[in-house]
Amino acid sequence: CGGGTTDLCSYRFRIQDRRAAYKIYMETAYENGDTDFGGNNLTYRIMQILKIALVRAKGNQNVSGVKEILEYMDTDIYRFMILME
């Protein structure tokens, strides 16, 4: 259960054949600390893109396009906002 955010995780795994059964070893690769991978930053970016698409669909072409926003996806918006304060 999350707090309303989109949470993702990535696993590394390997499978060992033990003849009678397989043994699967799993290790999480990203779950916390990579804000571009999931959580609040992903939710923020999805909403940002949806809002821009809706405004442009209503006929206002003076806002940035989705392609322009995608160019800045590697910027961590939360760290950027803290630096601006």
C-alpha atoms as a PDB file:
ATOM      1  CA  CYS A   1       0.000   0.000   0.000  1.00  0.00           C
ATOM      2  CA  GLY A   2       1.266   3.416  -0.857  1.00  0.00           C
ATOM      3  CA  GLY A   3       0.266   6.899   0.091  1.00  0.00           C
ATOM      4  CA  GLY A   4      -1.261   7.726  -3.277  1.00  0.00           C
ATOM      5  CA  THR A   5       2.000   7.653  -5.222  1.00  0.00           C
ATOM      6  CA  THR A   6       3.066   5.403  -8.049  1.00  0.00           C
ATOM      7  CA  ASP A   7       5.696   3.117  -6.600  1.00  0.00           C
ATOM      8  CA  LEU A   8       8.002   0.947  -8.668  1.00  0.00           C
ATOM      9  CA  CYS A   9      10.873  -1.314  -7.839  1.00  0.00           C
ATOM     10  CA  SER A  10      13.447  -3.189  -9.873  1.00  0.00           C
ATOM     11  CA  TYR A  11      14.814  -6.619  -9.099  1.00  0.00           C
ATOM     12  CA  ARG A  12      17.918  -8.522 -10.050  1.00  0.00           C
ATOM     13  CA  PHE A  13      17.364 -12.226  -9.952  1.00  0.00           C
ATOM     14  CA  ARG A  14      19.039 -15.486 -10.806  1.00  0.00           C
ATOM     15  CA  ILE A  15      17.626 -18.971 -11.063  1.00  0.00           C
ATOM     16  CA  GLN A  16      19.422 -22.066  -9.856  1.00  0.00           C
ATOM     17  CA  ASP A  17      18.345 -25.446 -11.235  1.00  0.00           C
ATOM     18  CA  ARG A  18      18.357 -27.886  -8.310  1.00  0.00           C
ATOM     19  CA  ARG A  19      16.939 -30.787 -10.363  1.00  0.00           C
ATOM     20  CA  ALA A  20      13.897 -31.349  -8.140  1.00  0.00           C
ATOM     21  CA  ALA A  21      13.026 -27.654  -8.045  1.00  0.00           C
ATOM     22  CA  TYR A  22      14.332 -24.277  -9.052  1.00  0.00           C
ATOM     23  CA  LYS A  23      15.660 -21.828  -6.494  1.00  0.00           C
ATOM     24  CA  ILE A  24      15.154 -18.167  -7.290  1.00  0.00           C
ATOM     25  CA  TYR A  25      17.392 -15.540  -5.711  1.00  0.00           C
ATOM     26  CA  MET A  26      15.969 -12.012  -5.790  1.00  0.00           C
ATOM     27  CA  GLU A  27      17.604  -8.729  -4.830  1.00  0.00           C
ATOM     28  CA  THR A  28      15.991  -5.317  -5.101  1.00  0.00           C
ATOM     29  CA  ALA A  29      17.958  -2.964  -7.328  1.00  0.00           C
ATOM     30  CA  TYR A  30      15.990   0.281  -6.847  1.00  0.00           C
ATOM     31  CA  GLU A  31      13.321   0.851  -4.276  1.00  0.00           C
ATOM     32  CA  ASN A  32      14.313   3.989  -2.388  1.00  0.00           C
ATOM     33  CA  GLY A  33      16.691   6.805  -3.142  1.00  0.00           C
ATOM     34  CA  ASP A  34      16.262   7.002  -6.920  1.00  0.00           C
ATOM     35  CA  THR A  35      13.585   9.657  -7.249  1.00  0.00           C
ATOM     36  CA  ASP A  36      13.434   9.377 -11.035  1.00  0.00           C
ATOM     37  CA  PHE A  37      12.553   5.695 -10.839  1.00  0.00           C
ATOM     38  CA  GLY A  38       9.233   5.964  -9.047  1.00  0.00           C
ATOM     39  CA  GLY A  39       7.287   7.529  -6.233  1.00  0.00           C
ATOM     40  CA  ASN A  40       6.457  11.208  -6.013  1.00  0.00           C
ATOM     41  CA  ASN A  41       8.620  12.329  -8.925  1.00  0.00           C
ATOM     42  CA  LEU A  42       6.973   9.872 -11.319  1.00  0.00           C
ATOM     43  CA  THR A  43       3.504  10.927 -10.175  1.00  0.00           C
ATOM     44  CA  TYR A  44       4.469  14.602 -10.569  1.00  0.00           C
ATOM     45  CA  ARG A  45       5.790  14.089 -14.111  1.00  0.00           C
ATOM     46  CA  ILE A  46       2.715  12.125 -15.223  1.00  0.00           C
ATOM     47  CA  MET A  47       0.391  14.848 -13.929  1.00  0.00           C
ATOM     48  CA  GLN A  48       2.563  17.555 -15.508  1.00  0.00           C
ATOM     49  CA  ILE A  49       2.361  15.866 -18.915  1.00  0.00           C
ATOM     50  CA  LEU A  50      -1.409  15.284 -18.601  1.00  0.00           C
ATOM     51  CA  LYS A  51      -2.064  18.924 -17.684  1.00  0.00           C
ATOM     52  CA  ILE A  52      -0.003  20.177 -20.618  1.00  0.00           C
ATOM     53  CA  ALA A  53      -1.761  17.809 -23.012  1.00  0.00           C
ATOM     54  CA  LEU A  54      -5.177  18.987 -21.770  1.00  0.00           C
ATOM     55  CA  VAL A  55      -4.315  22.689 -22.099  1.00  0.00           C
ATOM     56  CA  ARG A  56      -2.957  22.165 -25.615  1.00  0.00           C
ATOM     57  CA  ALA A  57      -6.036  20.105 -26.564  1.00  0.00           C
ATOM     58  CA  LYS A  58      -8.195  23.066 -25.515  1.00  0.00           C
ATOM     59  CA  GLY A  59      -6.373  25.203 -28.069  1.00  0.00           C
ATOM     60  CA  ASN A  60      -3.696  27.008 -26.042  1.00  0.00           C
ATOM     61  CA  GLN A  61      -0.487  26.427 -27.989  1.00  0.00           C
ATOM     62  CA  ASN A  62       1.542  28.871 -25.856  1.00  0.00           C
ATOM     63  CA  VAL A  63       2.528  26.203 -23.311  1.00  0.00           C
ATOM     64  CA  SER A  64       5.504  23.887 -23.657  1.00  0.00           C
ATOM     65  CA  GLY A  65       4.898  20.672 -25.507  1.00  0.00           C
ATOM     66  CA  VAL A  66       5.291  17.236 -23.998  1.00  0.00           C
ATOM     67  CA  LYS A  67       8.546  16.689 -25.931  1.00  0.00           C
ATOM     68  CA  GLU A  68      10.048  19.798 -24.335  1.00  0.00           C
ATOM     69  CA  ILE A  69       9.049  18.590 -20.862  1.00  0.00           C
ATOM     70  CA  LEU A  70      10.557  15.161 -21.518  1.00  0.00           C
ATOM     71  CA  GLU A  71      13.938  16.814 -22.142  1.00  0.00           C
ATOM     72  CA  TYR A  72      14.019  17.799 -18.463  1.00  0.00           C
ATOM     73  CA  MET A  73      12.917  14.436 -17.040  1.00  0.00           C
ATOM     74  CA  ASP A  74      16.387  13.809 -15.608  1.00  0.00           C
ATOM     75  CA  THR A  75      16.013  16.891 -13.377  1.00  0.00           C
ATOM     76  CA  ASP A  76      14.908  15.921  -9.876  1.00  0.00           C
ATOM     77  CA  ILE A  77      12.164  18.486  -9.317  1.00  0.00           C
ATOM     78  CA  TYR A  78      12.237  18.117  -5.521  1.00  0.00           C
ATOM     79  CA  ARG A  79      15.979  18.726  -5.241  1.00  0.00           C
ATOM     80  CA  PHE A  80      15.668  21.612  -7.707  1.00  0.00           C
ATOM     81  CA  MET A  81      12.928  23.244  -5.601  1.00  0.00           C
ATOM     82  CA  ILE A  82      15.009  22.907  -2.422  1.00  0.00           C
ATOM     83  CA  LEU A  83      17.939  24.622  -4.143  1.00  0.00           C
ATOM     84  CA  MET A  84      15.664  27.481  -5.221  1.00  0.00           C
ATOM     85  CA  GLU A  85      14.507  28.216  -1.634  1.00  0.00           C
END
